[in-house]
Amino acid sequence: MSWRTAARLHDKRVRAPETQEGAAGPSPAVLEGAQPDERPASLTLRSQLLALVLVALVPILVLSVVLISWGVRLHRDAVDRGLTDTARALATAVDERIAVWQGALAALATSPAFDNGDFSGFYRQAADVAHQHGGWIIVFDETFQQRINTLKALGEPLPKSAGSEPLRRIFATGESQAIGLYFGKTSQRWLVAVDMPIKRGDRVAFVLTMSFEPKVLSAILARQEFTPGWVARLTDENDKFIARSQDADAYLGKSLPDEYARAIAGQDAGMLVGPAVVAPAAPKFVTPSGG
């Protein structure tokens, strides 16, 4: 039995009624042969319409993607510039605060009470200056002995410093300096400080040190409101955390991760993207003295 015959038998059983003469009705081969001629035409028309739609939409979609990518990049660049400017502004604010402290010490260093050997009168003046700036003042002599420490009452026994490298440096050069994070022997806490020489002729006879808890600097960073997820931090030349705009106590004294330290090497301020480290600001702090 051929395929065509089978088609006729199937058609008799299912679809085609017999005529009065008993002959089969219209040939299923004819009926079924007409439908393929119509369907491809219908499918071709739909394909053509779809192709026209795609031709119209694809350029629009491509252009949309390009414009969105361009807009995202412009926004990101603007955010980066804003954060970098903020980091520099914070570094400037810290530098200005250090300059104020150094100015206060420079004025105190000219006190006639000190020139006249009136340590009692100088102690009162130093205590007033320290209170105004939220710190305390120490006077070191050439043997690195503390002569005055406003954390202690006048006349109380005071320790002698081992003579750290920064303290020796200021006696040798006569140049004021900012001191990075160190642990004070008398105060028993983490400190930062500024040093100012007191000269007698060409010789540095004493060094004035005004010490502070790092939270003074963290307060400067915290005044800046950052987008959630961004923080500012301050490190010394040894890449140790001095201050931070958030959770400062948790990071105090810890070292900056090596990859971040390498990324900011040689920079005074800038921006880093990474886990919890952004907007680095690094004024010129050196290693500790005493106090």
Protein backbone atom coordinates (compact mmCIF):
# COMPACT_ATOMS: atom_id res chain seq x y z
CA MET A 1 0.00 0.00 0.00
CA SER A 2 1.41 3.37 -1.04
CA TRP A 3 1.53 6.55 1.09
CA ARG A 4 -1.14 8.12 -1.14
CA THR A 5 -3.46 5.16 -0.69
CA ALA A 6 -3.07 5.19 3.01
CA ALA A 7 -3.96 8.84 2.98
CA ARG A 8 -7.19 8.11 1.15
CA LEU A 9 -8.16 5.33 3.52
CA HIS A 10 -7.47 7.55 6.49
CA ASP A 11 -9.53 10.27 4.93
CA LYS A 12 -12.47 7.91 4.36
CA ARG A 13 -12.48 6.79 7.95
CA VAL A 14 -12.12 10.19 9.58
CA ARG A 15 -13.18 13.02 7.34
CA ALA A 16 -14.53 12.24 3.84
CA PRO A 17 -18.17 11.06 3.52
CA GLU A 18 -18.96 8.73 0.66
CA THR A 19 -21.03 9.81 -2.36
CA GLN A 20 -24.18 8.03 -3.38
CA GLU A 21 -22.16 5.98 -5.84
CA GLY A 22 -19.81 4.88 -2.97
CA ALA A 23 -16.86 6.76 -4.37
CA ALA A 24 -14.62 8.67 -2.14
CA GLY A 25 -15.11 12.39 -1.69
CA PRO A 26 -12.57 14.99 -2.55
CA SER A 27 -9.09 13.55 -2.54
CA PRO A 28 -7.33 14.09 0.76
CA ALA A 29 -4.15 14.38 -1.23
CA VAL A 30 -5.63 17.43 -2.92
CA LEU A 31 -6.97 18.94 0.32
CA GLU A 32 -3.77 18.34 2.25
CA GLY A 33 -1.63 19.51 -0.63
CA ALA A 34 -3.34 22.92 -0.63
CA GLN A 35 -2.57 23.71 3.00
CA PRO A 36 1.27 23.69 2.77
CA ASP A 37 1.00 26.26 -0.01
CA GLU A 38 -0.86 28.63 2.36
CA ARG A 39 1.13 28.10 5.61
CA PRO A 40 4.60 29.04 4.30
CA ALA A 41 3.12 32.25 2.95
CA SER A 42 1.67 33.05 6.39
CA LEU A 43 4.95 32.19 8.19
CA THR A 44 6.97 34.23 5.74
CA LEU A 45 4.81 37.27 6.35
CA ARG A 46 5.22 36.96 10.12
CA SER A 47 8.97 36.53 9.72
CA GLN A 48 9.16 39.61 7.59
CA LEU A 49 7.18 41.64 10.14
CA LEU A 50 9.42 40.38 12.94
CA ALA A 51 12.51 41.27 10.95
CA LEU A 52 11.18 44.78 10.37
CA VAL A 53 10.52 45.21 14.09
CA LEU A 54 14.01 43.96 14.98
CA VAL A 55 15.61 46.23 12.38
CA ALA A 56 13.81 49.16 13.99
CA LEU A 57 14.47 48.16 17.63
CA VAL A 58 18.09 46.98 17.55
CA PRO A 59 19.62 50.42 16.82
CA ILE A 60 17.43 51.95 19.52
CA LEU A 61 18.51 49.31 22.03
CA VAL A 62 22.19 49.72 21.13
CA LEU A 63 21.92 53.49 21.43
CA SER A 64 20.16 53.15 24.79
CA VAL A 65 22.91 50.89 26.14
CA VAL A 66 25.59 53.31 24.95
CA LEU A 67 23.84 56.32 26.49
CA ILE A 68 23.24 54.52 29.80
CA SER A 69 26.88 53.40 29.98
CA TRP A 70 28.06 56.92 29.19
CA GLY A 71 25.77 58.38 31.85
CA VAL A 72 26.95 55.86 34.45
CA ARG A 73 30.59 56.68 33.66
CA LEU A 74 29.96 60.42 33.90
CA HIS A 75 28.24 59.94 37.25
CA ARG A 76 31.03 57.73 38.56
CA ASP A 77 33.69 60.22 37.44
CA ALA A 78 31.80 63.03 39.16
CA VAL A 79 31.55 61.01 42.38
CA ASP A 80 35.26 60.15 42.22
CA ARG A 81 36.22 63.80 41.72
CA GLY A 82 33.97 64.85 44.58
CA LEU A 83 35.44 62.28 46.97
CA THR A 84 39.01 63.16 45.98
CA ASP A 85 38.28 66.84 46.59
CA THR A 86 36.75 65.91 49.95
CA ALA A 87 39.86 63.95 50.91
CA ARG A 88 42.09 66.91 50.06
CA ALA A 89 39.81 69.26 52.00
CA LEU A 90 39.99 66.97 55.04
CA ALA A 91 43.79 66.79 54.79
CA THR A 92 43.87 70.59 54.63
CA ALA A 93 41.61 70.83 57.68
CA VAL A 94 43.96 68.55 59.64
CA ASP A 95 47.01 70.54 58.50
CA GLU A 96 45.32 73.76 59.57
CA ARG A 97 44.57 72.32 63.00
CA ILE A 98 48.21 71.30 63.38
CA ALA A 99 49.29 74.81 62.36
CA VAL A 100 47.03 76.27 65.08
CA TRP A 101 48.62 73.99 67.70
CA GLN A 102 52.11 74.91 66.55
CA GLY A 103 51.22 78.60 66.64
CA ALA A 104 49.99 78.26 70.22
CA LEU A 105 53.24 76.56 71.23
CA ALA A 106 55.33 79.16 69.41
CA ALA A 107 53.59 81.92 71.39
CA LEU A 108 54.04 80.02 74.64
CA ALA A 109 57.73 79.54 73.90
CA THR A 110 58.24 83.32 74.10
CA SER A 111 56.81 83.54 77.64
CA PRO A 112 58.93 85.76 79.94
CA ALA A 113 58.11 83.39 82.80
CA PHE A 114 60.11 80.67 81.12
CA ASP A 115 62.99 83.03 80.39
CA ASN A 116 63.07 84.09 84.04
CA GLY A 117 63.02 80.50 85.29
CA ASP A 118 59.56 80.93 86.77
CA PHE A 119 58.37 77.37 86.19
CA SER A 120 55.35 77.87 88.42
CA GLY A 121 54.14 80.82 86.34
CA PHE A 122 54.96 78.98 83.09
CA TYR A 123 53.08 75.91 84.30
CA ARG A 124 49.90 77.96 84.75
CA GLN A 125 50.28 79.50 81.30
CA ALA A 126 50.92 76.10 79.71
CA ALA A 127 47.91 74.58 81.48
CA ASP A 128 45.68 77.37 80.14
CA VAL A 129 46.94 76.87 76.56
CA ALA A 130 46.55 73.10 76.80
CA HIS A 131 43.00 73.45 78.09
CA GLN A 132 42.05 75.80 75.25
CA HIS A 133 43.15 73.24 72.67
CA GLY A 134 41.96 70.07 74.40
CA GLY A 135 45.42 68.62 75.07
CA TRP A 136 48.27 68.82 77.55
CA ILE A 137 51.79 70.23 77.41
CA ILE A 138 55.13 68.67 78.30
CA VAL A 139 58.50 70.41 78.56
CA PHE A 140 61.63 68.33 77.86
CA ASP A 141 65.15 69.47 78.66
CA GLU A 142 68.31 68.47 76.78
CA THR A 143 68.64 65.26 78.80
CA PHE A 144 65.07 64.28 77.70
CA GLN A 145 63.85 64.73 81.26
CA GLN A 146 60.28 65.98 81.59
CA ARG A 147 60.39 69.29 83.46
CA ILE A 148 56.67 70.10 83.22
CA ASN A 149 53.68 67.95 82.36
CA THR A 150 50.27 69.57 82.73
CA LEU A 151 48.70 66.15 83.27
CA LYS A 152 50.51 66.15 86.61
CA ALA A 153 50.56 68.67 89.42
CA LEU A 154 53.60 70.93 89.51
CA GLY A 155 56.34 69.31 91.58
CA GLU A 156 55.22 65.70 91.08
CA PRO A 157 57.96 63.28 89.95
CA LEU A 158 58.08 63.01 86.17
CA PRO A 159 59.66 60.30 84.00
CA LYS A 160 62.65 60.71 81.73
CA SER A 161 62.20 59.92 78.06
CA ALA A 162 64.46 57.40 76.39
CA GLY A 163 65.07 60.02 73.74
CA SER A 164 63.11 58.92 70.72
CA GLU A 165 64.36 59.72 67.24
CA PRO A 166 61.91 62.64 66.72
CA LEU A 167 62.85 64.19 70.07
CA ARG A 168 66.55 63.91 69.24
CA ARG A 169 65.84 65.34 65.79
CA ILE A 170 64.16 68.49 67.06
CA PHE A 171 67.01 69.15 69.50
CA ALA A 172 69.44 68.70 66.61
CA THR A 173 67.62 70.68 63.90
CA GLY A 174 65.57 73.19 65.90
CA GLU A 175 62.58 72.60 63.57
CA SER A 176 59.03 72.09 64.80
CA GLN A 177 57.28 68.89 63.77
CA ALA A 178 54.09 66.87 64.06
CA ILE A 179 54.34 63.53 65.82
CA GLY A 180 52.47 60.45 64.67
CA LEU A 181 50.75 57.87 66.81
CA TYR A 182 52.56 56.78 69.97
CA PHE A 183 51.72 55.40 73.40
CA GLY A 184 52.38 57.88 76.19
CA LYS A 185 54.20 56.61 79.28
CA THR A 186 52.61 59.14 81.62
CA SER A 187 49.11 59.23 80.16
CA GLN A 188 49.01 55.48 79.33
CA ARG A 189 47.04 56.09 76.15
CA TRP A 190 47.50 56.50 72.41
CA LEU A 191 48.53 60.04 71.50
CA VAL A 192 49.51 62.38 68.69
CA ALA A 193 51.51 65.55 69.29
CA VAL A 194 53.24 68.63 67.92
CA ASP A 195 56.73 69.72 69.03
CA MET A 196 58.17 73.23 69.27
CA PRO A 197 61.80 74.08 70.15
CA ILE A 198 62.72 76.71 72.78
CA LYS A 199 66.06 78.20 71.88
CA ARG A 200 68.70 79.93 73.91
CA GLY A 201 70.81 81.66 71.32
CA ASP A 202 71.54 79.12 68.59
CA ARG A 203 70.98 76.17 70.91
CA VAL A 204 67.74 74.28 71.54
CA ALA A 205 67.48 74.26 75.34
CA PHE A 206 63.97 72.83 75.71
CA VAL A 207 61.25 71.25 73.63
CA LEU A 208 57.56 72.00 74.11
CA THR A 209 55.25 69.13 73.22
CA MET A 210 51.47 69.47 73.06
CA SER A 211 49.84 66.03 73.07
CA PHE A 212 46.31 65.01 72.12
CA GLU A 213 44.17 61.95 71.99
CA PRO A 214 43.54 60.98 68.34
CA LYS A 215 39.79 61.43 68.81
CA VAL A 216 40.41 65.17 68.29
CA LEU A 217 41.37 64.37 64.69
CA SER A 218 38.64 61.76 64.25
CA ALA A 219 36.12 64.49 65.11
CA ILE A 220 37.41 66.55 62.16
CA LEU A 221 36.87 63.62 59.78
CA ALA A 222 33.47 62.76 61.24
CA ARG A 223 32.10 66.24 60.48
CA GLN A 224 32.04 65.33 56.81
CA GLU A 225 28.89 63.39 55.93
CA PHE A 226 29.79 60.59 53.55
CA THR A 227 27.54 58.41 51.44
CA PRO A 228 26.88 55.11 53.28
CA GLY A 229 29.78 52.75 52.71
CA TRP A 230 32.41 55.50 52.44
CA VAL A 231 34.73 56.50 55.26
CA ALA A 232 37.72 58.80 55.77
CA ARG A 233 40.82 57.78 57.62
CA LEU A 234 44.08 59.38 58.71
CA THR A 235 47.40 57.53 58.88
CA ASP A 236 50.93 58.47 59.87
CA GLU A 237 54.13 57.88 57.91
CA ASN A 238 54.25 54.33 59.29
CA ASP A 239 50.81 53.62 57.76
CA LYS A 240 49.15 53.24 61.16
CA PHE A 241 45.61 54.44 61.71
CA ILE A 242 45.48 57.70 63.68
CA ALA A 243 41.88 58.71 63.07
CA ARG A 244 38.79 57.54 61.25
CA SER A 245 35.40 59.04 60.50
CA GLN A 246 33.68 55.87 61.80
CA ASP A 247 34.65 53.27 64.40
CA ALA A 248 37.89 55.11 65.16
CA ASP A 249 38.66 53.20 68.37
CA ALA A 250 38.44 49.84 66.62
CA TYR A 251 41.15 50.83 64.11
CA LEU A 252 43.41 52.98 66.31
CA GLY A 253 47.04 51.86 66.10
CA LYS A 254 46.40 49.16 63.52
CA SER A 255 48.38 49.04 60.31
CA LEU A 256 46.90 49.89 56.95
CA PRO A 257 46.65 46.80 54.69
CA ASP A 258 49.73 46.47 52.49
CA GLU A 259 47.81 46.80 49.22
CA TYR A 260 46.33 50.12 50.37
CA ALA A 261 49.67 51.36 51.69
CA ARG A 262 51.24 50.69 48.29
CA ALA A 263 48.35 52.36 46.47
CA ILE A 264 48.68 55.66 48.39
CA ALA A 265 52.48 55.74 48.61
CA GLY A 266 53.71 59.28 47.93
CA GLN A 267 50.24 60.84 48.16
CA ASP A 268 49.09 63.40 50.72
CA ALA A 269 45.41 62.76 49.99
CA GLY A 270 43.25 60.83 47.59
CA MET A 271 40.63 58.13 47.16
CA LEU A 272 40.72 54.35 47.31
CA VAL A 273 37.96 51.87 46.56
CA GLY A 274 38.09 48.77 48.72
CA PRO A 275 36.73 47.20 51.89
CA ALA A 276 36.11 50.02 54.37
CA VAL A 277 38.98 52.25 53.23
CA VAL A 278 38.24 55.45 51.32
CA ALA A 279 39.38 59.04 51.21
CA PRO A 280 42.86 58.63 52.69
CA ALA A 281 44.44 61.76 54.09
CA ALA A 282 48.02 61.64 55.34
CA PRO A 283 49.59 64.82 56.76
CA LYS A 284 53.30 64.72 57.45
CA PHE A 285 53.35 62.97 60.82
CA VAL A 286 56.55 61.36 62.03
CA THR A 287 57.24 58.73 64.67
CA PRO A 288 56.65 59.32 68.40
CA SER A 289 58.44 61.38 71.00
CA GLY A 290 57.37 60.99 74.64
CA GLY A 291 54.54 61.75 77.04
